[in-house]
Amino acid sequence: MYKIMLIDDDKETLQINKKYLESDHFQVFTYDNPLKAIKELSCIIPDCIVLDVMMPALDGFAACKKMRTITKAPIIFLTGLTSEEDKIKGLVLGGDDYLIKPYSLRELSVRIKVNIRRTIAYSKPDNMLSFPPLSINTITHEVMCNDEEIKLSNREYELLAILIDKPNELITFEEISNSLWGGYSSSDRQSIMVNMSRLRKKFSMYDGLENYIETVWSKGYIFKFRQR
């Protein structure tokens, strides 16, 4: 479960955002004082920080600058400031994304996931992921079983990338749909099932990969991996 720090001097906004993100399977820590958040940053080690800009104790830009000396976690600014100059200032100081108020909670959640995935991908040496005998290049999207390439469609690769992000955890249809399309509807499930079936069929053709993707009936899928 990913850990998120929400920092905003508006306590009502904090609680609304916290409730929604927890329903989307995040572990959420809220702060109405950025100085306290900075003090606890090293203890919590968040996967993403959502930071309001206009705060009286310490504005978000100054807070971001201090946080960047402690963490490499992605920082998403929330603000009503819309000028290009303000956006550039936030990015130069170490921010990763900028969300203008008012915003939808669904978009906030999707942006958090996208920034976390991007950070994980770039933190891997040479952008290679290894689940022997499976290996994945996150830049070229090459998927190999030992020395043989597994030819995947773009959608099949996207599904695999979502599953390997959390090995041995159930990834629900809703989570997959949110990652792919930023929302969920019942019609998305059939598309996911068809493409996942194709992915599993391709895996079954390679020794050692037959049981890497497990279907959990009516719920979703698990990427099963045990270090050998």
Protein backbone atom coordinates (compact mmCIF):
# COMPACT_ATOMS: atom_id res chain seq x y z
CA MET A 1 0.00 0.00 0.00
CA TYR A 2 1.48 3.34 -1.06
CA LYS A 3 1.95 6.04 1.59
CA ILE A 4 0.78 9.56 0.78
CA MET A 5 1.43 12.79 2.68
CA LEU A 6 -1.28 15.45 2.27
CA ILE A 7 -0.26 18.95 3.40
CA ASP A 8 -2.82 21.74 3.44
CA ASP A 9 -3.84 24.37 6.00
CA ASP A 10 -7.51 23.73 5.12
CA LYS A 11 -8.51 20.89 7.45
CA GLU A 12 -11.79 20.22 5.66
CA THR A 13 -9.99 19.75 2.35
CA LEU A 14 -7.52 17.43 4.05
CA GLN A 15 -10.29 15.19 5.36
CA ILE A 16 -12.16 15.07 2.05
CA ASN A 17 -8.99 14.15 0.14
CA LYS A 18 -7.94 11.66 2.81
CA LYS A 19 -11.29 9.84 2.74
CA TYR A 20 -11.26 9.52 -1.05
CA LEU A 21 -7.64 8.37 -1.30
CA GLU A 22 -8.08 5.81 1.47
CA SER A 23 -11.04 4.39 -0.47
CA ASP A 24 -8.60 4.06 -3.39
CA HIS A 25 -6.26 1.95 -1.24
CA PHE A 26 -3.67 4.54 -0.21
CA GLN A 27 -2.30 4.97 3.30
CA VAL A 28 -2.76 8.67 3.99
CA PHE A 29 -1.03 11.00 6.47
CA THR A 30 -2.45 14.52 6.80
CA TYR A 31 -0.80 17.73 8.01
CA ASP A 32 -2.19 21.25 8.34
CA ASN A 33 1.30 22.50 9.19
CA PRO A 34 4.10 21.94 6.64
CA LEU A 35 6.80 22.31 9.29
CA LYS A 36 5.45 19.28 11.13
CA ALA A 37 5.27 17.33 7.87
CA ILE A 38 8.91 18.11 7.12
CA LYS A 39 9.90 17.00 10.62
CA GLU A 40 8.18 13.61 10.15
CA LEU A 41 9.23 13.08 6.54
CA SER A 42 12.16 10.79 7.32
CA CYS A 43 10.03 8.60 9.59
CA ILE A 44 7.09 8.12 7.24
CA ILE A 45 9.09 7.84 3.96
CA PRO A 46 6.11 8.63 1.72
CA ASP A 47 5.72 7.41 -1.86
CA CYS A 48 4.15 10.74 -2.89
CA ILE A 49 3.56 14.18 -1.35
CA VAL A 50 0.56 16.37 -2.19
CA LEU A 51 1.40 19.92 -1.17
CA ASP A 52 -0.78 23.03 -1.07
CA VAL A 53 1.02 26.20 -2.13
CA MET A 54 -0.75 28.99 -0.19
CA MET A 55 -0.14 28.29 3.52
CA PRO A 56 0.57 30.82 6.28
CA ALA A 57 3.21 28.96 8.31
CA LEU A 58 5.39 28.15 5.30
CA ASP A 59 4.30 28.34 1.69
CA GLY A 60 4.40 25.23 -0.50
CA PHE A 61 7.33 26.43 -2.60
CA ALA A 62 9.53 26.92 0.46
CA ALA A 63 8.33 23.62 1.93
CA CYS A 64 9.17 21.81 -1.31
CA LYS A 65 12.69 23.21 -1.29
CA LYS A 66 13.26 21.89 2.25
CA MET A 67 11.69 18.51 1.43
CA ARG A 68 13.96 18.00 -1.56
CA THR A 69 16.94 17.84 0.82
CA ILE A 70 15.29 14.86 2.55
CA THR A 71 13.28 12.89 -0.02
CA LYS A 72 13.10 12.05 -3.72
CA ALA A 73 9.38 11.19 -3.50
CA PRO A 74 7.26 12.92 -6.19
CA ILE A 75 5.69 16.20 -5.06
CA ILE A 76 2.38 17.36 -6.52
CA PHE A 77 1.43 21.00 -5.94
CA LEU A 78 -2.22 21.93 -5.34
CA THR A 79 -2.88 25.59 -5.97
CA GLY A 80 -5.17 28.28 -7.26
CA LEU A 81 -2.15 30.06 -8.80
CA THR A 82 -2.47 29.66 -12.54
CA SER A 83 0.32 31.78 -14.00
CA GLU A 84 3.09 30.16 -16.03
CA GLU A 85 5.65 31.83 -13.76
CA ASP A 86 4.20 30.11 -10.66
CA LYS A 87 4.16 26.71 -12.39
CA ILE A 88 7.75 27.06 -13.51
CA LYS A 89 8.81 28.17 -10.03
CA GLY A 90 7.25 25.07 -8.47
CA LEU A 91 8.90 22.71 -10.96
CA VAL A 92 12.30 24.38 -10.66
CA LEU A 93 12.18 24.01 -6.87
CA GLY A 94 11.70 20.24 -7.23
CA GLY A 95 8.00 19.69 -7.81
CA ASP A 96 6.91 16.94 -10.19
CA ASP A 97 3.35 17.94 -11.03
CA TYR A 98 0.93 20.83 -10.71
CA LEU A 99 -2.83 20.51 -10.14
CA ILE A 100 -4.96 23.66 -10.35
CA LYS A 101 -7.90 24.20 -7.99
CA PRO A 102 -10.68 23.26 -8.29
CA TYR A 103 -9.75 19.69 -9.20
CA SER A 104 -11.51 16.35 -9.20
CA LEU A 105 -10.55 13.77 -6.60
CA ARG A 106 -10.33 11.12 -9.31
CA GLU A 107 -7.77 13.20 -11.22
CA LEU A 108 -5.78 13.74 -8.03
CA SER A 109 -5.67 9.98 -7.41
CA VAL A 110 -4.64 9.22 -10.99
CA ARG A 111 -1.87 11.85 -10.93
CA ILE A 112 -0.53 10.36 -7.69
CA LYS A 113 -0.42 6.88 -9.25
CA VAL A 114 1.22 8.11 -12.44
CA ASN A 115 3.93 9.99 -10.54
CA ILE A 116 4.64 7.02 -8.27
CA ARG A 117 4.90 4.65 -11.24
CA ARG A 118 7.24 7.04 -13.04
CA THR A 119 9.47 7.38 -9.98
CA ILE A 120 9.64 3.60 -9.49
CA ALA A 121 10.52 3.03 -13.15
CA TYR A 122 13.35 5.56 -13.14
CA SER A 123 14.78 4.33 -9.85
CA LYS A 124 15.46 0.85 -11.22
CA PRO A 125 19.06 0.29 -12.44
CA ASP A 126 19.08 0.51 -16.24
CA ASN A 127 15.29 0.44 -16.05
CA MET A 128 15.33 -3.35 -15.90
CA LEU A 129 12.94 -5.36 -13.76
CA SER A 130 13.76 -8.98 -13.02
CA PHE A 131 11.39 -11.78 -12.01
CA PRO A 132 13.45 -14.80 -13.14
CA PRO A 133 13.08 -16.18 -15.73
CA LEU A 134 11.12 -13.04 -16.69
CA SER A 135 12.85 -9.71 -17.31
CA ILE A 136 11.32 -6.40 -18.43
CA ASN A 137 12.90 -3.27 -19.87
CA THR A 138 10.67 -0.38 -18.81
CA ILE A 139 12.07 1.95 -21.46
CA THR A 140 11.93 -0.26 -24.56
CA HIS A 141 9.04 -2.36 -23.20
CA GLU A 142 10.91 -5.54 -24.16
CA VAL A 143 9.72 -8.56 -22.18
CA MET A 144 12.05 -11.56 -22.10
CA CYS A 145 11.86 -15.12 -20.83
CA ASN A 146 15.51 -15.99 -20.34
CA ASP A 147 16.95 -14.92 -23.72
CA GLU A 148 13.74 -15.17 -25.75
CA GLU A 149 11.54 -12.13 -26.36
CA ILE A 150 7.82 -12.40 -25.62
CA LYS A 151 5.95 -10.34 -28.18
CA LEU A 152 3.25 -8.33 -26.40
CA SER A 153 0.76 -5.80 -27.68
CA ASN A 154 0.79 -2.33 -26.10
CA ARG A 155 -2.27 -3.17 -24.01
CA GLU A 156 -0.82 -6.49 -22.84
CA TYR A 157 2.36 -4.73 -21.77
CA GLU A 158 0.35 -2.08 -19.89
CA LEU A 159 -1.54 -4.80 -18.02
CA LEU A 160 1.69 -6.59 -17.14
CA ALA A 161 3.25 -3.32 -15.93
CA ILE A 162 0.29 -2.73 -13.60
CA LEU A 163 0.53 -6.23 -12.12
CA ILE A 164 4.31 -6.28 -11.57
CA ASP A 165 4.06 -2.94 -9.77
CA LYS A 166 2.69 -4.88 -6.79
CA PRO A 167 3.86 -8.52 -6.94
CA ASN A 168 1.80 -11.03 -4.95
CA GLU A 169 -0.99 -8.50 -4.30
CA LEU A 170 -4.51 -8.60 -5.67
CA ILE A 171 -5.01 -5.91 -8.31
CA THR A 172 -8.73 -5.39 -8.79
CA PHE A 173 -10.55 -4.68 -12.03
CA GLU A 174 -11.29 -1.20 -10.68
CA GLU A 175 -7.59 -0.49 -9.98
CA ILE A 176 -6.57 -1.71 -13.43
CA SER A 177 -9.23 0.38 -15.13
CA ASN A 178 -8.26 3.47 -13.13
CA SER A 179 -4.62 3.02 -14.11
CA LEU A 180 -5.43 2.56 -17.80
CA TRP A 181 -8.26 5.03 -18.30
CA GLY A 182 -8.51 7.16 -15.17
CA GLY A 183 -11.91 5.74 -14.19
CA TYR A 184 -14.01 2.60 -14.09
CA SER A 185 -17.17 1.37 -15.76
CA SER A 186 -18.59 -2.15 -16.00
CA SER A 187 -17.76 -2.34 -19.70
CA ASP A 188 -14.05 -1.95 -18.89
CA ARG A 189 -14.02 -5.36 -17.19
CA GLN A 190 -14.64 -7.30 -20.41
CA SER A 191 -11.82 -5.49 -22.20
CA ILE A 192 -9.44 -6.22 -19.31
CA MET A 193 -10.44 -9.90 -19.23
CA VAL A 194 -9.93 -10.37 -22.98
CA ASN A 195 -6.48 -8.78 -22.99
CA MET A 196 -5.42 -10.50 -19.79
CA SER A 197 -6.46 -13.85 -21.27
CA ARG A 198 -4.19 -13.19 -24.25
CA LEU A 199 -1.33 -12.23 -21.95
CA ARG A 200 -1.74 -15.39 -19.87
CA LYS A 201 -1.90 -17.54 -23.00
CA LYS A 202 1.41 -16.10 -24.20
CA PHE A 203 3.01 -16.70 -20.81
CA SER A 204 1.81 -20.31 -20.83
CA MET A 205 3.97 -20.96 -23.89
CA TYR A 206 7.18 -20.40 -21.87
CA ASP A 207 8.59 -22.76 -19.28
CA GLY A 208 8.48 -21.23 -15.83
CA LEU A 209 5.88 -18.56 -16.61
CA GLU A 210 2.76 -20.75 -16.69
CA ASN A 211 1.50 -19.67 -13.26
CA TYR A 212 2.85 -16.13 -13.00
CA ILE A 213 -0.58 -14.51 -13.45
CA GLU A 214 -3.38 -15.80 -11.24
CA THR A 215 -7.03 -14.95 -11.78
CA VAL A 216 -9.06 -14.16 -8.67
CA TRP A 217 -12.62 -14.85 -9.75
CA SER A 218 -14.78 -11.71 -10.10
CA LYS A 219 -12.13 -9.56 -8.37
CA GLY A 220 -8.98 -9.21 -10.45
CA TYR A 221 -5.50 -10.66 -10.85
CA ILE A 222 -2.30 -11.38 -8.93
CA PHE A 223 1.25 -11.44 -10.32
CA LYS A 224 2.64 -14.43 -8.43
CA PHE A 225 6.36 -14.35 -7.85
CA ARG A 226 8.59 -15.98 -5.30
CA GLN A 227 12.33 -15.31 -5.27
CA ARG A 228 14.16 -18.51 -6.08
